[in-house]
N, C-alpha and C. Protein backbone atom coordinates (compact mmCIF):
# COMPACT_ATOMS: atom_id res chain seq x y z
N MET A 1 97.05 111.84 101.92
CA MET A 1 98.45 112.23 101.94
C MET A 1 99.18 111.37 102.94
N GLN A 2 100.19 110.65 102.52
CA GLN A 2 100.97 109.80 103.40
C GLN A 2 102.18 110.57 103.91
N SER A 3 101.95 111.32 104.99
CA SER A 3 103.00 112.11 105.60
C SER A 3 102.84 112.05 107.11
N LEU A 4 103.96 112.05 107.80
CA LEU A 4 103.93 112.07 109.26
C LEU A 4 103.28 113.34 109.80
N ALA A 5 103.13 114.34 108.94
CA ALA A 5 102.45 115.57 109.36
C ALA A 5 101.00 115.30 109.75
N ARG A 6 100.45 114.15 109.33
CA ARG A 6 99.08 113.79 109.69
C ARG A 6 98.99 113.38 111.16
N HIS A 7 100.10 113.02 111.77
CA HIS A 7 100.08 112.53 113.14
C HIS A 7 100.38 113.67 114.12
N PRO A 8 99.54 113.81 115.17
CA PRO A 8 99.71 114.92 116.11
C PRO A 8 101.08 114.98 116.78
N PHE A 9 101.74 113.83 116.95
CA PHE A 9 103.04 113.85 117.61
C PHE A 9 104.02 114.76 116.89
N PHE A 10 103.96 114.80 115.56
CA PHE A 10 104.96 115.52 114.79
C PHE A 10 104.54 116.95 114.44
N LYS A 11 103.28 117.27 114.63
CA LYS A 11 102.79 118.57 114.15
C LYS A 11 103.46 119.74 114.85
N ASP A 12 103.81 119.58 116.13
CA ASP A 12 104.42 120.70 116.85
C ASP A 12 105.87 120.42 117.23
N VAL A 13 106.51 119.48 116.52
CA VAL A 13 107.93 119.22 116.76
C VAL A 13 108.74 120.20 115.92
N ALA A 14 109.36 121.14 116.60
CA ALA A 14 110.08 122.20 115.90
C ALA A 14 111.22 121.64 115.07
N GLY A 15 111.32 122.12 113.85
CA GLY A 15 112.43 121.77 112.98
C GLY A 15 112.40 120.37 112.42
N PHE A 16 111.22 119.71 112.47
CA PHE A 16 111.16 118.33 111.97
C PHE A 16 111.20 118.33 110.45
N ASP A 17 112.05 117.48 109.87
CA ASP A 17 112.23 117.40 108.42
C ASP A 17 111.32 116.31 107.86
N PHE A 18 110.11 116.69 107.46
CA PHE A 18 109.15 115.71 106.94
C PHE A 18 109.64 115.07 105.65
N ASP A 19 110.26 115.86 104.77
CA ASP A 19 110.75 115.31 103.51
C ASP A 19 111.75 114.19 103.75
N LYS A 20 112.56 114.34 104.78
CA LYS A 20 113.60 113.35 105.08
C LYS A 20 113.01 112.05 105.62
N PHE A 21 112.01 112.17 106.51
CA PHE A 21 111.53 110.98 107.21
C PHE A 21 110.26 110.36 106.61
N ASP A 22 109.49 111.12 105.86
CA ASP A 22 108.27 110.55 105.28
C ASP A 22 108.56 109.35 104.39
N ARG A 23 109.66 109.40 103.67
CA ARG A 23 109.98 108.29 102.75
C ARG A 23 110.61 107.11 103.47
N ARG A 24 110.79 107.22 104.79
CA ARG A 24 111.42 106.14 105.54
C ARG A 24 110.45 105.41 106.45
N VAL A 25 109.16 105.65 106.25
CA VAL A 25 108.13 104.92 107.00
C VAL A 25 107.26 104.15 106.03
N ILE A 26 106.61 103.11 106.55
CA ILE A 26 105.70 102.28 105.75
C ILE A 26 104.28 102.52 106.25
N TRP A 27 103.36 102.72 105.33
CA TRP A 27 101.97 102.97 105.70
C TRP A 27 101.17 101.69 105.52
N LYS A 28 100.31 101.40 106.49
CA LYS A 28 99.52 100.18 106.42
C LYS A 28 98.10 100.43 106.93
N LYS A 29 97.13 99.85 106.25
CA LYS A 29 95.75 99.89 106.71
C LYS A 29 95.39 98.54 107.30
N CYS A 30 94.76 98.56 108.46
CA CYS A 30 94.44 97.33 109.21
C CYS A 30 92.94 97.17 109.32
N ASP A 31 92.50 95.92 109.28
CA ASP A 31 91.08 95.62 109.42
C ASP A 31 90.70 95.48 110.88
N ASP A 32 89.42 95.66 111.15
CA ASP A 32 88.88 95.45 112.47
C ASP A 32 89.20 94.02 112.93
N GLY A 33 89.80 93.89 114.11
CA GLY A 33 90.15 92.58 114.63
C GLY A 33 91.51 92.06 114.22
N GLU A 34 92.21 92.79 113.37
CA GLU A 34 93.52 92.33 112.89
C GLU A 34 94.59 92.50 113.98
N THR A 35 95.42 91.49 114.14
CA THR A 35 96.55 91.57 115.05
C THR A 35 97.66 92.38 114.39
N ILE A 36 98.04 93.48 115.01
CA ILE A 36 99.07 94.35 114.45
C ILE A 36 100.44 93.96 114.99
N VAL A 37 100.50 93.71 116.28
CA VAL A 37 101.71 93.24 116.94
C VAL A 37 101.31 92.09 117.85
N ASP A 38 102.08 91.01 117.84
CA ASP A 38 101.73 89.87 118.69
C ASP A 38 102.74 89.70 119.81
N PHE A 39 102.28 89.08 120.87
CA PHE A 39 103.11 88.80 122.03
C PHE A 39 104.35 87.99 121.62
N GLU A 40 105.50 88.42 122.11
CA GLU A 40 106.80 87.79 121.86
C GLU A 40 107.29 87.95 120.42
N ASP A 41 106.66 88.82 119.63
CA ASP A 41 107.24 89.17 118.33
C ASP A 41 108.64 89.75 118.56
N LYS A 42 109.52 89.52 117.62
CA LYS A 42 110.88 90.03 117.75
C LYS A 42 111.08 91.32 116.97
N SER A 43 110.00 91.86 116.39
CA SER A 43 110.11 93.11 115.65
C SER A 43 110.36 94.27 116.60
N THR A 44 110.93 95.36 116.09
CA THR A 44 111.24 96.52 116.93
C THR A 44 110.70 97.82 116.33
N ASP A 45 109.75 97.71 115.41
CA ASP A 45 109.18 98.90 114.79
C ASP A 45 108.29 99.67 115.76
N VAL A 46 108.11 100.96 115.48
CA VAL A 46 107.18 101.81 116.22
C VAL A 46 106.01 102.13 115.30
N TYR A 47 104.80 102.09 115.86
CA TYR A 47 103.58 102.28 115.07
C TYR A 47 102.89 103.58 115.49
N PHE A 48 102.76 104.50 114.55
CA PHE A 48 102.07 105.76 114.80
C PHE A 48 100.64 105.61 114.25
N LEU A 49 99.68 105.63 115.15
CA LEU A 49 98.29 105.39 114.79
C LEU A 49 97.66 106.67 114.24
N VAL A 50 97.35 106.66 112.95
CA VAL A 50 96.80 107.84 112.28
C VAL A 50 95.28 107.85 112.37
N SER A 51 94.66 106.68 112.29
CA SER A 51 93.20 106.60 112.41
C SER A 51 92.83 105.27 113.03
N GLY A 52 91.66 105.24 113.68
CA GLY A 52 91.18 104.01 114.30
C GLY A 52 91.59 103.87 115.76
N ASP A 53 91.17 102.76 116.37
CA ASP A 53 91.48 102.44 117.76
C ASP A 53 92.09 101.05 117.84
N VAL A 54 93.04 100.86 118.75
CA VAL A 54 93.64 99.56 118.96
C VAL A 54 93.65 99.25 120.45
N ARG A 55 93.80 97.97 120.77
CA ARG A 55 93.83 97.53 122.18
C ARG A 55 95.11 96.77 122.46
N VAL A 56 95.72 97.10 123.59
CA VAL A 56 96.94 96.43 124.05
C VAL A 56 96.54 95.48 125.17
N LEU A 57 96.88 94.20 125.03
CA LEU A 57 96.48 93.24 126.06
C LEU A 57 97.47 92.09 126.19
N LEU A 58 97.36 91.43 127.33
CA LEU A 58 98.09 90.20 127.58
C LEU A 58 97.11 89.05 127.53
N ARG A 59 97.52 87.92 126.99
CA ARG A 59 96.65 86.75 126.92
C ARG A 59 97.41 85.55 127.46
N THR A 60 96.86 84.90 128.50
CA THR A 60 97.52 83.75 129.10
C THR A 60 97.31 82.51 128.25
N ALA A 61 98.06 81.46 128.56
CA ALA A 61 97.92 80.20 127.83
C ALA A 61 96.52 79.61 128.00
N ALA A 62 95.88 79.94 129.11
CA ALA A 62 94.53 79.45 129.37
C ALA A 62 93.46 80.29 128.68
N GLY A 63 93.88 81.36 128.02
CA GLY A 63 92.93 82.19 127.28
C GLY A 63 92.43 83.41 128.03
N LYS A 64 92.89 83.63 129.26
CA LYS A 64 92.46 84.80 130.01
C LYS A 64 93.16 86.04 129.48
N GLU A 65 92.40 87.13 129.35
CA GLU A 65 92.95 88.37 128.82
C GLU A 65 93.00 89.45 129.89
N VAL A 66 94.07 90.22 129.87
CA VAL A 66 94.21 91.39 130.73
C VAL A 66 94.44 92.59 129.83
N ILE A 67 93.52 93.53 129.83
CA ILE A 67 93.64 94.71 128.98
C ILE A 67 94.57 95.72 129.64
N LEU A 68 95.61 96.11 128.95
CA LEU A 68 96.57 97.07 129.46
C LEU A 68 96.20 98.50 129.08
N ALA A 69 95.70 98.67 127.86
CA ALA A 69 95.37 100.03 127.41
C ALA A 69 94.59 99.97 126.09
N ASP A 70 93.81 100.99 125.85
CA ASP A 70 93.22 101.25 124.54
C ASP A 70 93.91 102.49 123.98
N ILE A 71 94.37 102.39 122.76
CA ILE A 71 95.11 103.48 122.13
C ILE A 71 94.29 104.04 120.98
N LYS A 72 94.20 105.35 120.93
CA LYS A 72 93.37 106.02 119.93
C LYS A 72 94.24 106.72 118.90
N ALA A 73 93.60 107.12 117.80
CA ALA A 73 94.30 107.85 116.75
C ALA A 73 95.02 109.05 117.35
N GLY A 74 96.24 109.26 116.90
CA GLY A 74 97.05 110.35 117.43
C GLY A 74 98.08 109.90 118.43
N GLU A 75 98.02 108.61 118.82
CA GLU A 75 99.01 108.06 119.75
C GLU A 75 99.92 107.10 119.00
N PHE A 76 100.85 106.49 119.72
CA PHE A 76 101.73 105.52 119.08
C PHE A 76 102.04 104.41 120.06
N PHE A 77 102.58 103.29 119.55
CA PHE A 77 102.91 102.14 120.38
C PHE A 77 104.09 101.40 119.77
N GLY A 78 104.70 100.54 120.58
CA GLY A 78 105.84 99.76 120.11
C GLY A 78 107.18 100.36 120.44
N GLU A 79 107.17 101.50 121.14
CA GLU A 79 108.43 102.20 121.41
C GLU A 79 109.34 101.46 122.39
N MET A 80 108.75 100.61 123.25
CA MET A 80 109.59 99.91 124.22
C MET A 80 110.59 98.98 123.54
N SER A 81 110.11 98.18 122.59
CA SER A 81 111.01 97.27 121.87
C SER A 81 112.00 98.04 121.00
N ALA A 82 111.58 99.21 120.52
CA ALA A 82 112.49 100.03 119.72
C ALA A 82 113.63 100.56 120.58
N ILE A 83 113.37 100.74 121.87
CA ILE A 83 114.38 101.28 122.77
C ILE A 83 115.31 100.18 123.30
N ASP A 84 114.72 99.04 123.72
CA ASP A 84 115.56 98.02 124.37
C ASP A 84 115.78 96.75 123.54
N SER A 85 115.14 96.65 122.37
CA SER A 85 115.31 95.51 121.45
C SER A 85 114.85 94.18 122.04
N ILE A 86 114.03 94.22 123.09
CA ILE A 86 113.49 93.00 123.68
C ILE A 86 112.16 92.67 123.01
N GLU A 87 111.87 91.37 122.87
CA GLU A 87 110.66 90.95 122.16
C GLU A 87 109.41 91.56 122.79
N ARG A 88 108.34 91.62 122.01
CA ARG A 88 107.11 92.28 122.43
C ARG A 88 106.54 91.65 123.70
N SER A 89 106.07 92.51 124.59
CA SER A 89 105.53 92.04 125.86
C SER A 89 104.01 91.98 125.86
N ALA A 90 103.37 92.38 124.75
CA ALA A 90 101.90 92.38 124.71
C ALA A 90 101.43 92.25 123.27
N ASN A 91 100.14 91.99 123.14
CA ASN A 91 99.48 91.91 121.84
C ASN A 91 98.77 93.23 121.57
N VAL A 92 98.80 93.68 120.33
CA VAL A 92 98.07 94.88 119.93
C VAL A 92 97.13 94.50 118.79
N THR A 93 95.83 94.71 119.01
CA THR A 93 94.81 94.31 118.03
C THR A 93 93.94 95.51 117.67
N ALA A 94 93.62 95.64 116.40
CA ALA A 94 92.76 96.74 115.95
C ALA A 94 91.33 96.52 116.42
N LEU A 95 90.75 97.54 117.06
CA LEU A 95 89.35 97.50 117.47
C LEU A 95 88.43 97.96 116.35
N THR A 96 88.98 98.77 115.45
CA THR A 96 88.25 99.29 114.29
C THR A 96 89.20 99.24 113.10
N LYS A 97 88.72 99.61 111.94
CA LYS A 97 89.63 99.80 110.82
C LYS A 97 90.62 100.89 111.22
N ALA A 98 91.87 100.69 110.91
CA ALA A 98 92.90 101.60 111.38
C ALA A 98 93.97 101.79 110.31
N GLU A 99 94.71 102.88 110.44
CA GLU A 99 95.85 103.14 109.57
C GLU A 99 97.04 103.52 110.44
N VAL A 100 98.18 102.91 110.16
CA VAL A 100 99.38 103.17 110.93
C VAL A 100 100.54 103.54 110.02
N ALA A 101 101.41 104.38 110.55
CA ALA A 101 102.70 104.66 109.91
C ALA A 101 103.74 103.87 110.69
N ILE A 102 104.41 102.95 110.03
CA ILE A 102 105.35 102.04 110.70
C ILE A 102 106.77 102.56 110.49
N MET A 103 107.44 102.78 111.62
CA MET A 103 108.78 103.37 111.60
C MET A 103 109.76 102.39 112.22
N SER A 104 110.88 102.16 111.58
CA SER A 104 111.89 101.26 112.14
C SER A 104 112.47 101.87 113.41
N SER A 105 113.02 100.99 114.25
CA SER A 105 113.62 101.47 115.49
C SER A 105 114.80 102.40 115.20
N ALA A 106 115.52 102.13 114.12
CA ALA A 106 116.67 102.97 113.77
C ALA A 106 116.23 104.40 113.46
N VAL A 107 115.15 104.53 112.70
CA VAL A 107 114.64 105.86 112.36
C VAL A 107 114.09 106.54 113.61
N PHE A 108 113.37 105.78 114.43
CA PHE A 108 112.79 106.34 115.66
C PHE A 108 113.90 106.88 116.57
N ARG A 109 114.96 106.13 116.75
CA ARG A 109 116.06 106.56 117.61
C ARG A 109 116.79 107.75 116.99
N GLU A 110 116.89 107.75 115.66
CA GLU A 110 117.53 108.89 115.00
C GLU A 110 116.76 110.18 115.28
N ILE A 111 115.43 110.09 115.27
CA ILE A 111 114.60 111.25 115.54
C ILE A 111 114.78 111.71 117.00
N LEU A 112 114.75 110.75 117.92
CA LEU A 112 114.87 111.10 119.34
C LEU A 112 116.22 111.73 119.66
N PHE A 113 117.29 111.14 119.11
CA PHE A 113 118.63 111.66 119.41
C PHE A 113 118.92 112.97 118.68
N GLY A 114 118.16 113.22 117.60
CA GLY A 114 118.44 114.41 116.81
C GLY A 114 117.50 115.57 117.04
N ASN A 115 116.41 115.34 117.80
CA ASN A 115 115.44 116.41 118.01
C ASN A 115 115.04 116.44 119.49
N GLN A 116 115.46 117.46 120.19
CA GLN A 116 115.23 117.54 121.63
C GLN A 116 113.74 117.59 121.96
N HIS A 117 112.96 118.27 121.14
CA HIS A 117 111.53 118.38 121.40
C HIS A 117 110.86 117.02 121.28
N ALA A 118 111.20 116.25 120.25
CA ALA A 118 110.62 114.92 120.08
C ALA A 118 111.03 114.01 121.24
N CYS A 119 112.29 114.09 121.65
CA CYS A 119 112.78 113.27 122.76
C CYS A 119 112.03 113.61 124.04
N ASP A 120 111.81 114.89 124.30
CA ASP A 120 111.11 115.31 125.50
C ASP A 120 109.67 114.78 125.51
N LYS A 121 109.02 114.80 124.35
CA LYS A 121 107.64 114.30 124.28
C LYS A 121 107.57 112.81 124.59
N VAL A 122 108.53 112.04 124.07
CA VAL A 122 108.54 110.60 124.33
C VAL A 122 108.83 110.33 125.80
N LEU A 123 109.78 111.07 126.38
CA LEU A 123 110.09 110.87 127.80
C LEU A 123 108.87 111.17 128.67
N ARG A 124 108.15 112.21 128.34
CA ARG A 124 106.95 112.55 129.11
C ARG A 124 105.89 111.46 128.97
N LEU A 125 105.75 110.92 127.77
CA LEU A 125 104.77 109.85 127.56
C LEU A 125 105.15 108.61 128.37
N LEU A 126 106.41 108.22 128.33
CA LEU A 126 106.85 107.04 129.06
C LEU A 126 106.67 107.24 130.57
N THR A 127 106.95 108.45 131.05
CA THR A 127 106.75 108.75 132.47
C THR A 127 105.28 108.63 132.84
N HIS A 128 104.42 109.13 131.97
CA HIS A 128 102.97 109.03 132.22
C HIS A 128 102.54 107.57 132.30
N ARG A 129 103.07 106.75 131.41
CA ARG A 129 102.69 105.34 131.41
C ARG A 129 103.18 104.62 132.66
N VAL A 130 104.38 104.96 133.12
CA VAL A 130 104.89 104.36 134.35
C VAL A 130 104.01 104.75 135.53
N ARG A 131 103.63 106.02 135.60
CA ARG A 131 102.77 106.47 136.70
C ARG A 131 101.42 105.75 136.65
N ASP A 132 100.90 105.56 135.45
CA ASP A 132 99.62 104.87 135.31
C ASP A 132 99.73 103.42 135.78
N VAL A 133 100.81 102.75 135.39
CA VAL A 133 101.02 101.37 135.84
C VAL A 133 101.16 101.32 137.35
N ASN A 134 101.89 102.26 137.94
CA ASN A 134 102.04 102.30 139.39
C ASN A 134 100.70 102.45 140.09
N THR A 135 99.84 103.31 139.51
CA THR A 135 98.51 103.51 140.09
C THR A 135 97.70 102.22 140.06
N ARG A 136 97.74 101.54 138.94
CA ARG A 136 96.97 100.30 138.80
C ARG A 136 97.52 99.20 139.71
N LEU A 137 98.83 99.13 139.85
CA LEU A 137 99.42 98.14 140.75
C LEU A 137 98.99 98.40 142.19
N ALA A 138 98.98 99.68 142.57
CA ALA A 138 98.55 100.03 143.92
C ALA A 138 97.09 99.65 144.13
N GLU A 139 96.26 99.88 143.12
CA GLU A 139 94.84 99.52 143.24
C GLU A 139 94.66 98.02 143.39
N MET A 140 95.43 97.24 142.63
CA MET A 140 95.32 95.79 142.74
C MET A 140 95.76 95.30 144.12
N ALA A 141 96.74 95.99 144.71
CA ALA A 141 97.25 95.57 146.01
C ALA A 141 96.37 96.02 147.16
N ILE A 142 95.72 97.18 147.01
CA ILE A 142 95.00 97.78 148.13
C ILE A 142 93.49 97.56 148.05
N PHE A 143 92.93 97.70 146.84
CA PHE A 143 91.48 97.69 146.70
C PHE A 143 90.93 96.29 146.47
N ASP A 144 89.72 96.07 146.95
CA ASP A 144 88.99 94.86 146.58
C ASP A 144 88.34 95.11 145.22
N LEU A 145 87.63 94.10 144.72
CA LEU A 145 87.01 94.19 143.40
C LEU A 145 86.11 95.40 143.27
N ARG A 146 85.27 95.63 144.27
CA ARG A 146 84.31 96.73 144.20
C ARG A 146 85.01 98.07 144.02
N HIS A 147 86.05 98.30 144.79
CA HIS A 147 86.72 99.59 144.70
C HIS A 147 87.56 99.71 143.44
N ARG A 148 88.08 98.60 142.94
CA ARG A 148 88.77 98.66 141.65
C ARG A 148 87.79 99.05 140.55
N LEU A 149 86.56 98.57 140.64
CA LEU A 149 85.54 98.94 139.67
C LEU A 149 85.21 100.43 139.77
N TYR A 150 85.05 100.94 141.01
CA TYR A 150 84.81 102.37 141.18
C TYR A 150 85.90 103.18 140.48
N SER A 151 87.15 102.80 140.73
CA SER A 151 88.27 103.55 140.19
C SER A 151 88.29 103.50 138.67
N GLU A 152 88.03 102.33 138.10
CA GLU A 152 88.03 102.19 136.64
C GLU A 152 86.93 103.03 136.01
N LEU A 153 85.75 103.03 136.60
CA LEU A 153 84.64 103.81 136.05
C LEU A 153 84.94 105.30 136.11
N LEU A 154 85.49 105.76 137.21
CA LEU A 154 85.84 107.18 137.32
C LEU A 154 86.93 107.55 136.31
N ARG A 155 87.91 106.67 136.15
CA ARG A 155 89.02 106.95 135.25
C ARG A 155 88.57 107.05 133.79
N SER A 156 87.60 106.24 133.43
CA SER A 156 87.16 106.20 132.02
C SER A 156 85.97 107.12 131.74
N SER A 157 85.55 107.90 132.73
CA SER A 157 84.36 108.75 132.55
C SER A 157 84.75 110.19 132.27
N HIS A 158 83.76 110.96 131.86
CA HIS A 158 83.94 112.40 131.67
C HIS A 158 82.66 113.11 132.12
N PRO A 159 82.73 114.42 132.39
CA PRO A 159 81.54 115.14 132.87
C PRO A 159 80.35 115.00 131.91
N ARG A 160 79.15 114.85 132.49
CA ARG A 160 77.94 114.72 131.68
C ARG A 160 77.40 116.10 131.34
N PRO A 161 77.38 116.46 130.05
CA PRO A 161 76.89 117.79 129.67
C PRO A 161 75.48 118.04 130.16
N GLY A 162 75.26 119.21 130.77
CA GLY A 162 73.93 119.59 131.20
C GLY A 162 73.48 118.98 132.50
N HIS A 163 74.35 118.19 133.15
CA HIS A 163 73.99 117.53 134.41
C HIS A 163 75.16 117.72 135.40
N ALA A 164 75.10 118.81 136.12
CA ALA A 164 76.19 119.16 137.04
C ALA A 164 76.42 118.04 138.05
N GLY A 165 77.69 117.68 138.22
CA GLY A 165 78.06 116.70 139.21
C GLY A 165 78.02 115.26 138.74
N GLU A 166 77.43 115.02 137.56
CA GLU A 166 77.35 113.65 137.05
C GLU A 166 78.45 113.42 136.01
N ARG A 167 78.81 112.15 135.82
CA ARG A 167 79.79 111.77 134.83
C ARG A 167 79.24 110.62 134.00
N VAL A 168 79.80 110.41 132.81
CA VAL A 168 79.33 109.34 131.94
C VAL A 168 80.51 108.57 131.36
N VAL A 169 80.28 107.28 131.17
CA VAL A 169 81.19 106.43 130.41
C VAL A 169 80.47 106.12 129.11
N THR A 170 81.00 106.60 128.01
CA THR A 170 80.31 106.42 126.75
C THR A 170 81.28 105.98 125.66
N PRO A 171 80.88 104.98 124.87
CA PRO A 171 79.68 104.16 125.02
C PRO A 171 79.76 103.31 126.28
N PRO A 172 78.62 102.78 126.74
CA PRO A 172 78.65 101.97 127.95
C PRO A 172 79.59 100.79 127.78
N PRO A 173 80.44 100.53 128.76
CA PRO A 173 81.47 99.48 128.61
C PRO A 173 80.88 98.08 128.66
N PHE A 174 81.45 97.19 127.87
CA PHE A 174 81.09 95.78 127.97
C PHE A 174 81.64 95.23 129.28
N HIS A 175 80.86 94.39 129.93
CA HIS A 175 81.26 93.89 131.24
C HIS A 175 82.53 93.05 131.17
N HIS A 176 82.69 92.27 130.09
CA HIS A 176 83.90 91.45 129.99
C HIS A 176 85.14 92.31 129.77
N VAL A 177 84.97 93.48 129.15
CA VAL A 177 86.10 94.39 128.94
C VAL A 177 86.51 95.01 130.27
N VAL A 178 85.54 95.45 131.05
CA VAL A 178 85.85 96.01 132.37
C VAL A 178 86.54 94.95 133.23
N ALA A 179 86.02 93.72 133.17
CA ALA A 179 86.61 92.63 133.96
C ALA A 179 88.07 92.41 133.58
N ALA A 180 88.38 92.50 132.29
CA ALA A 180 89.75 92.30 131.83
C ALA A 180 90.66 93.44 132.25
N ARG A 181 90.08 94.58 132.55
CA ARG A 181 90.87 95.72 132.99
C ARG A 181 91.21 95.64 134.48
N ILE A 182 90.29 95.12 135.28
CA ILE A 182 90.48 95.18 136.73
C ILE A 182 90.78 93.82 137.35
N GLY A 183 90.91 92.79 136.52
CA GLY A 183 91.34 91.50 137.02
C GLY A 183 90.27 90.71 137.74
N CYS A 184 89.14 90.49 137.08
CA CYS A 184 88.08 89.67 137.68
C CYS A 184 87.27 89.01 136.56
N ARG A 185 86.12 88.44 136.90
CA ARG A 185 85.26 87.79 135.92
C ARG A 185 84.11 88.71 135.54
N ARG A 186 83.58 88.48 134.34
CA ARG A 186 82.47 89.29 133.84
C ARG A 186 81.29 89.26 134.80
N GLU A 187 81.00 88.08 135.35
CA GLU A 187 79.85 87.94 136.25
C GLU A 187 79.99 88.82 137.49
N GLN A 188 81.22 88.99 137.95
CA GLN A 188 81.45 89.83 139.12
C GLN A 188 81.17 91.29 138.81
N VAL A 189 81.57 91.74 137.62
CA VAL A 189 81.28 93.12 137.22
C VAL A 189 79.78 93.33 137.11
N THR A 190 79.08 92.38 136.51
CA THR A 190 77.62 92.48 136.37
C THR A 190 76.97 92.59 137.74
N ARG A 191 77.41 91.79 138.68
CA ARG A 191 76.83 91.80 140.01
C ARG A 191 77.09 93.14 140.73
N GLU A 192 78.29 93.66 140.62
CA GLU A 192 78.62 94.91 141.29
C GLU A 192 77.87 96.09 140.66
N LEU A 193 77.74 96.09 139.35
CA LEU A 193 76.99 97.17 138.69
C LEU A 193 75.52 97.11 139.08
N SER A 194 74.99 95.91 139.25
CA SER A 194 73.60 95.77 139.70
C SER A 194 73.43 96.36 141.09
N THR A 195 74.41 96.11 141.97
CA THR A 195 74.36 96.68 143.32
C THR A 195 74.45 98.20 143.27
N MET A 196 75.32 98.72 142.42
CA MET A 196 75.47 100.17 142.29
C MET A 196 74.19 100.81 141.75
N THR A 197 73.51 100.10 140.85
CA THR A 197 72.24 100.60 140.32
C THR A 197 71.19 100.68 141.42
N SER A 198 71.11 99.64 142.23
CA SER A 198 70.12 99.63 143.32
C SER A 198 70.42 100.70 144.36
N GLU A 199 71.69 101.10 144.48
CA GLU A 199 72.07 102.15 145.42
C GLU A 199 71.89 103.55 144.83
N GLY A 200 71.52 103.62 143.57
CA GLY A 200 71.34 104.92 142.93
C GLY A 200 72.64 105.58 142.54
N LEU A 201 73.68 104.79 142.38
CA LEU A 201 74.99 105.34 142.02
C LEU A 201 75.21 105.40 140.52
N VAL A 202 74.62 104.46 139.77
CA VAL A 202 74.78 104.44 138.33
C VAL A 202 73.43 104.21 137.66
N GLU A 203 73.39 104.58 136.40
CA GLU A 203 72.19 104.36 135.59
C GLU A 203 72.62 104.13 134.15
N LYS A 204 72.09 103.11 133.53
CA LYS A 204 72.45 102.84 132.15
C LYS A 204 71.42 103.44 131.22
N THR A 205 71.88 104.27 130.29
CA THR A 205 71.02 104.83 129.27
C THR A 205 71.36 104.16 127.94
N ARG A 206 70.71 104.60 126.89
CA ARG A 206 70.93 103.97 125.59
C ARG A 206 72.37 104.11 125.12
N GLY A 207 72.98 105.25 125.42
CA GLY A 207 74.32 105.47 124.88
C GLY A 207 75.42 105.62 125.89
N ALA A 208 75.10 105.41 127.19
CA ALA A 208 76.13 105.64 128.19
C ALA A 208 75.80 104.96 129.50
N LEU A 209 76.83 104.79 130.31
CA LEU A 209 76.66 104.42 131.71
C LEU A 209 76.87 105.70 132.50
N VAL A 210 75.83 106.13 133.21
CA VAL A 210 75.86 107.40 133.94
C VAL A 210 76.28 107.16 135.38
N LEU A 211 77.31 107.89 135.81
CA LEU A 211 77.69 107.88 137.22
C LEU A 211 76.92 109.02 137.89
N LEU A 212 75.85 108.67 138.59
CA LEU A 212 74.95 109.67 139.16
C LEU A 212 75.57 110.39 140.35
N LYS A 213 76.39 109.69 141.11
CA LYS A 213 77.00 110.26 142.31
C LYS A 213 78.49 109.94 142.36
N PRO A 214 79.25 110.49 141.43
CA PRO A 214 80.69 110.16 141.41
C PRO A 214 81.40 110.57 142.69
N GLN A 215 80.88 111.60 143.36
CA GLN A 215 81.51 112.03 144.61
C GLN A 215 81.42 110.95 145.69
N VAL A 216 80.37 110.13 145.64
CA VAL A 216 80.25 109.02 146.59
C VAL A 216 81.32 107.97 146.29
N LEU A 217 81.53 107.68 145.01
CA LEU A 217 82.57 106.71 144.64
C LEU A 217 83.94 107.22 145.07
N GLU A 218 84.19 108.50 144.85
CA GLU A 218 85.48 109.09 145.23
C GLU A 218 85.68 109.01 146.74
N SER A 219 84.62 109.27 147.49
CA SER A 219 84.69 109.21 148.95
C SER A 219 84.99 107.79 149.42
N ARG A 220 84.35 106.82 148.81
CA ARG A 220 84.58 105.42 149.18
C ARG A 220 86.01 105.00 148.86
N LEU A 221 86.54 105.50 147.74
CA LEU A 221 87.92 105.19 147.38
C LEU A 221 88.90 105.79 148.39
N ARG A 222 88.66 107.02 148.79
CA ARG A 222 89.54 107.65 149.78
C ARG A 222 89.53 106.88 151.09
N GLU A 223 88.34 106.43 151.50
CA GLU A 223 88.24 105.67 152.74
C GLU A 223 88.96 104.33 152.62
N ALA A 224 88.79 103.67 151.47
CA ALA A 224 89.48 102.40 151.25
C ALA A 224 90.99 102.58 151.24
N MET A 225 91.45 103.70 150.68
CA MET A 225 92.88 103.97 150.65
C MET A 225 93.41 104.19 152.07
N ARG A 226 92.66 104.89 152.90
CA ARG A 226 93.08 105.10 154.29
C ARG A 226 93.15 103.76 155.02
N GLU A 227 92.17 102.91 154.79
CA GLU A 227 92.18 101.60 155.44
C GLU A 227 93.35 100.76 154.94
N GLY A 228 93.67 100.91 153.64
CA GLY A 228 94.80 100.17 153.09
C GLY A 228 96.11 100.61 153.69
N ASP A 229 96.22 101.93 153.98
CA ASP A 229 97.44 102.43 154.61
C ASP A 229 97.57 101.93 156.04
């Protein structure tokens, strides 16, 4: 069924007229590795991700990549250009097969201006993203590589079922991906993870990277923050 009702953003938007807006979006299926939006594109559409995962990144002329975010089904992207009409500031590439509902900026703005609940949800999302960027900027300014890695691992982990006090990153992250997130080289991530393993802080299993003592990482981050202040 090709309806915006499939996307979580719209499911609890009171008074949303699906009949009116469903026929004003374009549905597209994307292949793994396909570029959905490219850096400096002049398009202003908004993409509602119905299935699959995509990655938002910057790529320098020298080929270095900086990962800004991974977006999962149920989220959306492209709203910045829809709001300010400025060319795209990042590349968005499908990590898996994906399906998107593509909405023009005109339709997106019509929804925001006409539905207070939808507008509130977008404002909250944008505020969350600004806070996240501020956090990462502070980490880049204050923390060294090791502590940036601690922070990234904690941020991407969740409690390990059946093991009180432990957390897991699953599936285990590729070292080059972590490096692109925290602004370093893959070899540096490999070296730091090896040190953490020897200290008994992490353990790699078949399906996850286990944070054995996340409280130690948190303590080290607090100390580094105090020193940064």
